[in-house]
Protein backbone atom coordinates (compact mmCIF):
# COMPACT_ATOMS: atom_id res chain seq x y z
CA MET A 1 -4.85 -18.79 -0.40
CA LEU A 2 -2.21 -21.56 -0.73
CA LYS A 3 0.36 -19.45 -2.07
CA PHE A 4 -0.44 -16.63 0.37
CA THR A 5 -0.09 -18.98 3.28
CA SER A 6 3.23 -20.29 1.90
CA ALA A 7 4.64 -16.82 1.38
CA LEU A 8 3.63 -15.83 4.84
CA THR A 9 5.41 -18.89 6.41
CA ARG A 10 8.63 -17.68 4.49
CA CYS A 11 8.37 -14.17 5.68
CA ALA A 12 7.60 -14.91 9.28
CA ASP A 13 10.75 -17.03 9.50
CA THR A 14 12.62 -13.71 8.85
CA VAL A 15 11.48 -12.34 12.16
CA PRO A 16 13.65 -12.65 15.11
CA GLY A 17 12.26 -14.17 18.40
CA GLN A 18 9.98 -16.70 17.09
CA GLY A 19 7.92 -17.36 20.24
CA THR A 20 6.15 -20.69 20.67
CA HIS A 21 2.57 -22.11 19.56
CA LEU A 22 0.01 -19.39 19.25
CA THR A 23 2.44 -16.70 19.81
CA SER A 24 4.96 -17.50 17.21
CA ALA A 25 5.66 -15.08 14.40
CA ARG A 26 4.26 -17.47 11.72
CA VAL A 27 0.70 -17.50 13.77
CA ARG A 28 0.73 -13.93 14.39
CA LEU A 29 1.48 -12.96 10.75
CA ALA A 30 -1.12 -15.26 9.36
CA VAL A 31 -3.89 -14.01 11.48
CA LEU A 32 -3.04 -10.31 10.87
CA THR A 33 -2.90 -10.77 6.99
CA LEU A 34 -5.43 -13.79 6.23
CA GLY A 35 -7.86 -12.27 8.85
CA SER A 36 -7.60 -8.67 7.32
CA ALA A 37 -10.86 -7.18 6.89
CA GLY A 38 -9.50 -5.47 3.81
CA LEU A 39 -8.59 -8.57 2.17
CA LEU A 40 -11.87 -10.23 3.11
CA ILE A 41 -13.76 -7.28 1.70
CA VAL A 42 -11.87 -6.89 -1.67
CA ASP A 43 -11.08 -10.84 -2.09
CA HIS A 44 -14.13 -12.72 -0.87
CA ILE A 45 -16.96 -10.00 -1.36
CA HIS A 46 -15.75 -7.52 -3.78
CA PHE A 47 -14.33 -10.33 -6.14
CA GLN A 48 -10.85 -9.38 -6.64
CA TYR A 49 -7.78 -11.68 -6.51
CA ASN A 50 -5.50 -9.64 -4.27
CA GLY A 51 -4.43 -12.49 -1.99
CA LEU A 52 -2.72 -14.39 -4.78
CA LEU A 53 -0.83 -11.24 -5.85
CA LEU A 54 -0.01 -10.09 -2.35
CA GLY A 55 1.31 -13.74 -1.80
CA LEU A 56 3.70 -13.62 -4.74
CA LEU A 57 4.75 -10.19 -3.32
CA LEU A 58 5.67 -11.74 0.00
CA MET A 59 7.23 -14.52 -1.55
CA SER A 60 9.40 -12.28 -3.73
CA TYR A 61 10.53 -10.32 -0.52
CA ALA A 62 11.30 -13.74 1.32
CA CYS A 63 13.55 -14.88 -1.67
CA MET A 64 15.27 -11.34 -1.39
CA THR A 65 16.04 -12.00 2.23
CA GLN A 66 17.74 -15.39 1.31
CA GLY A 67 19.93 -13.88 -1.36
CA ARG A 68 17.84 -15.53 -4.07
CA TYR A 69 17.83 -12.43 -6.25
CA LEU A 70 16.80 -13.88 -9.51
CA LYS A 71 13.84 -15.87 -8.22
CA SER A 72 12.82 -12.63 -6.19
CA ALA A 73 13.11 -10.53 -9.59
CA LEU A 74 11.09 -13.34 -11.33
CA LEU A 75 8.34 -13.47 -9.16
CA PHE A 76 7.92 -9.73 -8.96
CA THR A 77 8.07 -9.44 -12.65
CA VAL A 78 5.40 -12.11 -13.11
CA LEU A 79 3.37 -10.22 -10.43
CA LEU A 80 3.78 -6.96 -12.17
CA ASN A 81 2.53 -8.30 -15.53
CA MET A 82 -0.34 -9.90 -13.77
CA LYS A 83 -1.57 -6.63 -12.26
CA HIS A 84 0.10 -3.36 -13.24
CA ILE A 85 -0.82 -1.62 -9.73
CA PHE A 86 2.40 -3.44 -8.37
CA LEU A 87 4.38 -0.81 -10.75
CA TYR A 88 4.29 1.49 -7.73
CA LEU A 89 6.71 -0.93 -5.92
CA ALA A 90 9.18 -1.38 -8.91
CA PRO A 91 11.39 1.65 -7.82
CA ALA A 92 12.30 -0.19 -4.67
CA TYR A 93 13.06 -3.29 -6.39
CA PHE A 94 15.15 -1.62 -9.04
CA VAL A 95 17.30 0.17 -6.38
CA PHE A 96 17.73 -2.71 -4.19
CA LEU A 97 18.76 -5.16 -6.98
CA LEU A 98 20.93 -2.50 -8.34
CA ALA A 99 22.69 -2.08 -5.25
CA GLN A 100 23.17 -5.74 -4.92
CA LEU A 101 24.89 -5.89 -8.50
CA LEU A 102 27.25 -2.94 -7.62
CA ARG A 103 28.40 -4.73 -4.19
CA PRO A 104 31.58 -6.27 -4.82
CA SER A 105 30.60 -9.76 -3.42
CA THR A 106 27.22 -10.13 -4.64
CA GLY A 107 27.97 -8.65 -8.03
CA ARG A 108 31.04 -10.95 -8.61
CA ARG A 109 28.70 -13.99 -7.36
CA LEU A 110 26.00 -13.12 -9.68
CA ALA A 111 28.19 -12.47 -12.77
CA ALA A 112 30.11 -15.90 -11.97
CA THR A 113 26.78 -17.74 -11.96
CA ALA A 114 25.63 -16.15 -15.33
CA ALA A 115 29.01 -16.82 -16.93
CA SER A 116 29.10 -20.51 -15.83
CA GLY A 117 25.39 -21.11 -17.38
CA ALA A 118 23.76 -21.94 -13.93
CA HIS A 119 21.64 -19.06 -13.94
CA PRO A 120 20.46 -16.68 -16.79
CA PRO A 121 21.56 -12.94 -16.31
CA LEU A 122 19.10 -10.92 -14.03
CA GLY A 123 18.20 -8.56 -16.74
CA LEU A 124 17.32 -11.49 -19.11
CA VAL A 125 15.10 -13.15 -16.52
CA VAL A 126 12.94 -9.65 -16.30
CA LEU A 127 13.03 -9.01 -20.00
CA GLY A 128 12.02 -12.87 -20.61
CA VAL A 129 8.97 -12.65 -18.37
CA PHE A 130 7.73 -9.38 -20.34
CA ALA A 131 8.39 -10.99 -23.82
CA VAL A 132 6.13 -13.89 -22.85
CA SER A 133 3.49 -11.66 -21.32
CA LEU A 134 3.26 -8.99 -24.09
CA GLY A 135 4.79 -10.98 -26.92
CA ARG A 136 1.43 -12.44 -27.90
CA SER A 137 0.28 -9.31 -29.39
CA PRO A 138 2.11 -6.67 -31.72
CA PRO A 139 3.98 -4.11 -29.71
CA SER A 140 1.70 -1.30 -31.28
CA ALA A 141 -1.32 -2.91 -29.75
CA SER A 142 -0.11 -4.19 -26.30
CA PHE A 143 2.10 -1.12 -25.27
CA PRO A 144 -0.67 1.52 -25.65
CA ARG A 145 -3.20 -0.77 -23.77
CA CYS A 146 -0.42 -1.21 -20.77
CA SER A 147 0.01 2.51 -20.73
CA ARG A 148 -3.60 3.20 -20.51
CA GLY A 149 -3.94 0.81 -17.64
CA CYS A 150 -0.76 1.90 -15.72
CA PHE A 151 -1.56 5.48 -16.31
CA PRO A 152 -5.25 6.27 -16.36
CA PHE A 153 -4.88 9.92 -16.90
CA LYS A 154 -8.23 10.31 -18.41
CA ARG A 155 -10.20 9.16 -15.36
CA GLY A 156 -9.24 12.33 -13.26
CA SER A 157 -7.12 12.65 -10.34
CA VAL A 158 -10.10 11.68 -7.75
CA PRO A 159 -12.10 8.50 -8.29
CA ARG A 160 -15.53 8.11 -7.89
CA LEU A 161 -15.21 6.69 -4.51
CA LEU A 162 -12.73 9.34 -3.23
CA ALA A 163 -9.63 7.31 -2.20
CA PRO A 164 -8.58 8.89 1.37
CA ASN A 165 -5.39 10.37 -0.09
CA PHE A 166 -3.72 13.93 -0.29
CA TRP A 167 -5.97 15.16 -3.26
CA VAL A 168 -9.18 14.65 -1.08
CA LEU A 169 -7.51 17.20 1.34
CA TYR A 170 -6.74 19.26 -1.53
CA ASN A 171 -10.13 19.43 -3.12
CA LEU A 172 -11.61 20.27 0.29
CA ALA A 173 -9.08 23.11 0.53
CA ASP A 174 -10.54 24.21 -2.79
CA LYS A 175 -14.08 23.91 -1.79
CA LEU A 176 -13.42 26.12 1.48
CA ALA A 177 -11.42 28.54 -0.48
CA VAL A 178 -14.57 29.09 -2.95
CA ALA A 179 -16.85 29.34 0.02
CA ALA A 180 -14.77 32.22 1.54
CA VAL A 181 -14.68 34.22 -1.67
CA PRO A 182 -17.50 36.49 -2.88
CA PRO A 183 -20.24 34.61 -4.98
CA GLY A 184 -19.41 34.45 -8.61
CA VAL A 185 -16.49 32.34 -8.72
CA ALA A 186 -16.85 28.96 -10.29
CA ALA A 187 -16.75 25.97 -8.29
CA MET A 188 -14.67 22.72 -8.75
CA THR A 189 -16.03 20.84 -11.85
CA GLY A 190 -15.64 17.45 -13.07
CA GLY A 191 -15.94 16.43 -16.97
CA LEU A 192 -17.51 13.57 -18.90
CA VAL A 193 -14.34 11.58 -18.33
CA GLN A 194 -14.17 12.62 -14.53
CA GLU A 195 -11.16 15.25 -15.20
CA THR A 196 -11.18 17.61 -12.24
CA SER A 197 -10.99 21.41 -12.39
CA HIS A 198 -10.52 23.34 -9.31
CA ALA A 199 -11.92 26.91 -8.79
CA LEU A 200 -9.15 28.80 -6.88
CA LEU A 201 -6.41 26.21 -6.30
CA PRO A 202 -4.15 25.23 -9.23
CA THR A 203 -5.64 22.26 -11.16
CA VAL A 204 -3.28 19.38 -10.97
CA PRO A 205 -2.09 17.88 -13.99
CA PRO A 206 -0.93 14.30 -14.45
CA THR A 207 2.76 15.23 -14.59
CA ALA A 208 2.52 16.85 -11.10
CA THR A 209 1.25 13.71 -9.48
CA PHE A 210 3.93 11.85 -11.23
CA LEU A 211 6.63 14.10 -9.83
CA LEU A 212 5.11 14.20 -6.51
CA SER A 213 4.88 10.55 -6.14
CA GLY A 214 8.41 10.26 -7.26
CA ALA A 215 9.59 12.74 -4.59
CA ALA A 216 7.56 10.98 -1.90
CA MET A 217 9.51 7.78 -2.54
CA LEU A 218 12.89 9.24 -2.91
CA PRO A 219 14.18 9.28 0.57
CA ALA A 220 13.19 5.75 1.12
CA LEU A 221 15.09 4.84 -2.15
CA VAL A 222 18.27 6.63 -0.89
CA ALA A 223 17.81 4.80 2.56
CA CYS A 224 17.45 1.52 0.71
CA TRP A 225 20.29 2.51 -1.47
CA ARG A 226 22.77 3.25 1.38
CA ARG A 227 21.93 -0.05 3.05
CA PRO A 228 22.23 -2.77 0.48
CA ALA A 229 22.62 -5.60 2.92
CA ASP A 230 19.69 -4.67 5.03
CA THR A 231 16.43 -6.25 3.71
CA ALA A 232 14.39 -4.49 6.26
CA ALA A 233 15.30 -1.39 4.58
CA PHE A 234 14.22 -2.93 1.43
CA LEU A 235 10.71 -3.49 2.99
CA ARG A 236 10.28 -0.18 4.39
CA ALA A 237 10.95 1.10 1.16
CA LEU A 238 8.31 -0.87 -0.24
CA VAL A 239 5.82 0.33 2.15
CA GLN A 240 6.92 3.93 1.46
CA CYS A 241 6.71 3.33 -2.37
CA ALA A 242 3.14 2.14 -1.92
CA LEU A 243 2.18 4.90 0.41
CA GLY A 244 3.77 7.68 -1.69
CA SER A 245 2.07 6.52 -4.81
CA PHE A 246 -1.24 6.13 -2.94
CA LEU A 247 -1.10 9.64 -1.28
CA PHE A 248 0.12 11.53 -4.51
CA GLY A 249 -0.95 9.37 -7.43
CA TRP A 250 -3.64 9.80 -10.17
CA HIS A 251 -6.84 8.06 -9.80
CA VAL A 252 -5.77 5.49 -6.83
CA HIS A 253 -8.28 3.06 -5.66
CA GLU A 254 -8.81 2.33 -1.79
CA LYS A 255 -7.71 -1.10 -2.23
CA ALA A 256 -4.36 0.13 -3.25
CA LEU A 257 -3.60 0.68 0.35
CA LEU A 258 -3.17 -3.07 1.01
CA LEU A 259 0.21 -2.83 -0.85
CA ALA A 260 1.46 -1.01 1.99
CA VAL A 261 -0.46 -2.62 5.00
CA VAL A 262 0.39 -6.22 4.22
CA PRO A 263 4.07 -5.72 4.02
CA LEU A 264 3.93 -3.42 7.10
CA ALA A 265 2.65 -6.27 9.09
CA VAL A 266 5.99 -8.05 8.91
CA LEU A 267 7.79 -5.02 9.84
CA ALA A 268 5.21 -4.57 12.89
CA LEU A 269 6.41 -7.90 14.35
CA ARG A 270 9.85 -6.38 14.64
CA SER A 271 9.34 -3.11 16.29
CA GLN A 272 7.02 -1.24 18.64
CA THR A 273 6.78 1.98 16.59
CA GLU A 274 5.84 -0.01 13.39
CA ALA A 275 3.47 -1.93 15.37
CA ARG A 276 1.64 1.16 16.41
CA LEU A 277 1.46 2.55 12.81
CA TYR A 278 0.42 -0.86 11.47
CA LEU A 279 -2.42 -0.75 13.83
CA LEU A 280 -3.34 2.96 12.72
CA LEU A 281 -2.83 2.30 8.99
CA SER A 282 -4.40 -0.83 8.91
CA ALA A 283 -7.64 0.57 10.67
CA ALA A 284 -8.06 3.40 8.53
CA ALA A 285 -7.39 1.27 5.46
CA HIS A 286 -10.24 -0.91 6.51
CA VAL A 287 -12.60 1.82 7.24
CA SER A 288 -11.91 3.32 3.89
CA LEU A 289 -12.93 0.18 2.20
CA PHE A 290 -16.37 0.20 3.97
CA PRO A 291 -18.08 2.09 1.25
CA LEU A 292 -17.25 -0.79 -1.15
CA LEU A 293 -19.99 -2.84 0.74
CA HIS A 294 -22.89 -0.09 0.89
CA GLY A 295 -25.76 -2.39 1.48
CA PRO A 296 -27.45 -2.69 5.04
CA ALA A 297 -27.06 -6.37 5.09
CA GLU A 298 -23.17 -6.09 4.91
CA THR A 299 -22.85 -3.78 7.75
CA LEU A 300 -22.44 -5.90 10.59
CA GLY A 301 -19.96 -8.30 8.89
CA LYS A 302 -17.55 -5.54 7.73
CA VAL A 303 -17.59 -3.69 11.02
CA LEU A 304 -17.18 -7.10 13.01
CA ALA A 305 -14.33 -8.08 10.70
CA ALA A 306 -12.50 -4.91 11.32
CA LEU A 307 -12.91 -4.80 15.14
CA LEU A 308 -11.74 -8.42 15.45
CA HIS A 309 -8.67 -7.54 13.47
CA ALA A 310 -7.90 -4.53 15.47
CA GLY A 311 -8.24 -6.18 18.77
CA TYR A 312 -6.00 -8.89 17.64
CA ALA A 313 -3.42 -6.67 16.22
CA ALA A 314 -3.37 -4.58 19.52
CA HIS A 315 -3.00 -7.98 21.50
CA ALA A 316 -0.41 -9.85 19.31
CA LEU A 317 1.94 -7.02 18.15
CA PRO A 318 4.62 -5.88 20.68
CA ALA A 319 3.18 -3.64 23.42
CA THR A 320 0.86 -1.83 20.88
CA GLY A 321 -1.93 -0.75 23.20
CA ALA A 322 0.26 0.41 25.81
CA ALA A 323 2.58 2.31 23.66
CA LEU A 324 -0.05 4.31 21.87
CA SER A 325 0.33 8.00 22.34
CA ARG A 326 -2.85 10.06 23.22
CA PRO A 327 -3.44 11.58 19.49
CA GLN A 328 -3.02 8.04 18.23
CA ALA A 329 -5.53 6.62 20.55
CA ALA A 330 -7.93 9.34 19.98
CA TYR A 331 -7.71 8.89 16.20
CA LEU A 332 -8.44 5.16 16.49
CA ALA A 333 -11.35 6.11 18.94
CA GLY A 334 -12.74 8.70 16.30
CA LEU A 335 -13.32 5.95 13.84
CA ALA A 336 -16.25 4.40 15.79
CA PRO A 337 -18.46 7.56 15.61
CA LEU A 338 -17.40 7.89 12.10
CA VAL A 339 -18.63 4.58 11.10
CA LEU A 340 -21.69 4.92 13.06
CA TYR A 341 -22.51 7.93 11.27
CA HIS A 342 -21.81 6.58 8.00
CA THR A 343 -23.85 3.62 8.42
CA VAL A 344 -26.93 4.71 10.29
CA GLY A 345 -26.50 8.14 11.45
CA HIS A 346 -26.87 10.19 8.28
CA ARG A 347 -30.18 8.57 7.27
CA LEU A 348 -31.54 8.83 10.90
CA LEU A 349 -31.03 12.47 10.53
CA GLY A 350 -32.76 12.78 7.32
CA LEU A 351 -29.85 14.01 5.50
CA HIS A 352 -29.38 11.20 2.86
CA GLY A 353 -31.58 12.65 0.24
CA ARG A 354 -30.11 16.43 0.45
CA TRP A 355 -26.55 15.38 0.89
CA PRO A 356 -25.91 11.90 -0.19
CA PHE A 357 -22.21 12.32 -0.49
CA VAL A 358 -21.39 13.63 3.15
CA PRO A 359 -20.73 10.27 4.83
CA LEU A 360 -18.18 9.15 1.93
CA LEU A 361 -16.71 12.73 2.10
CA LEU A 362 -16.19 12.41 5.74
CA THR A 363 -14.90 8.91 5.76
CA SER A 364 -12.22 9.60 3.07
CA LEU A 365 -11.12 12.91 4.68
CA TYR A 366 -10.67 11.19 8.20
CA CYS A 367 -8.98 8.24 6.60
CA ALA A 368 -6.75 10.52 4.60
CA LEU A 369 -5.38 12.13 7.91
CA GLY A 370 -4.55 8.78 9.11
CA VAL A 371 -2.71 7.51 6.17
CA LEU A 372 -0.84 10.89 5.97
CA TYR A 373 0.29 10.81 9.42
CA CYS A 374 1.34 7.10 9.24
CA TRP A 375 3.29 7.75 6.02
CA LEU A 376 5.27 10.86 7.84
CA ALA A 377 5.59 8.83 11.04
CA LEU A 378 7.17 5.87 9.21
CA TYR A 379 9.49 8.11 7.33
CA ARG A 380 10.60 9.46 10.72
CA HIS A 381 11.22 6.08 11.94
CA MET A 382 12.83 4.79 8.91
CA LEU A 383 15.14 7.75 8.57
CA PHE A 384 16.18 8.60 11.97
CA ARG A 385 15.43 5.87 14.51
CA ALA A 386 15.26 2.23 12.85
CA ASP A 387 18.12 -0.15 13.47
CA VAL A 388 19.69 -2.06 10.96
CA GLY A 389 17.38 -5.13 10.31
CA GLN A 390 18.10 -8.54 8.96
CA LYS A 391 20.85 -8.92 6.74
CA VAL A 392 20.85 -10.88 3.26
CA LYS A 393 21.80 -14.38 3.72
CA GLN A 394 24.39 -15.14 1.31
CA ARG A 395 23.99 -18.49 -0.44
């Protein structure tokens, strides 16, 4: 928690127009992140340690804005070795740091400091962290274990709890196609290791998800490359890498959405467009995490936490509520009956014994539509409307 709070302070200092007291960027960012219903669920109830990891991510970004590239790379490499899910964000770091090395002013400065012995070369910092982390066991043992953790291809493209991504929509389309054809066509099946086979639509191999995830990141990486001095473009690339890998990745977990939601909070303090999309994405992410707490005793707590967070975000972010379009407002309003049906409606209708999967399926489908919309809208803003953000502070 202390690490996360320190990182929030550094990131908030990069936001222009700090305000005073309770309206300052520090206070607003702290409440939006520390008060996130998603972090409360996965850190304090579901027993994870994402707060520490996301704190390291934000500290790494803050160092990047200050031109402290070696420390930023060090923190991210440590983060990557602590939890391999942050591999999704590595392309943005690679592209931005490579762009810095190729910039005449930055490249000469880094080369001069490395030659003088004041700082080690950037590549040596990264390789050194990997050597310390993986050098405790032989490569023949550590590398296969890491590859299985980073690329869980034997688990199937769709996890047990149905993460709200593109593959939920794809599987539904396959089910509807089966229902539309004459009887006798096999339905989508899952093997003992949860490998999914589709009936009519092509079965998706791991290679396809890998290529789709890379293609989803590519426009953001190109934009990041073309703006090597713009740390806001780098942060937007981080968000798009997280969303692209979540939407099209192989066997992703719902909590992976936090990799996009938390960095987006920093951008939401900058512009109305990103503030609106943060409100939508955070609401969809929080509701998608509700099935992790499926007990009746936990219902009131998780719903109240999500409502309080959404209410504060609508009040604290730049003109969020007034600027919502009708479809955006309708989507947020639709989350209420969805949560009501998931928590009590399905049982009251007596459908739990016959169709126990329906509430989870509806939640995943509805949240997937919101996540997909936010991904596309963020790309539209990033590529066509976003102004140049904060530039790197040369040290």
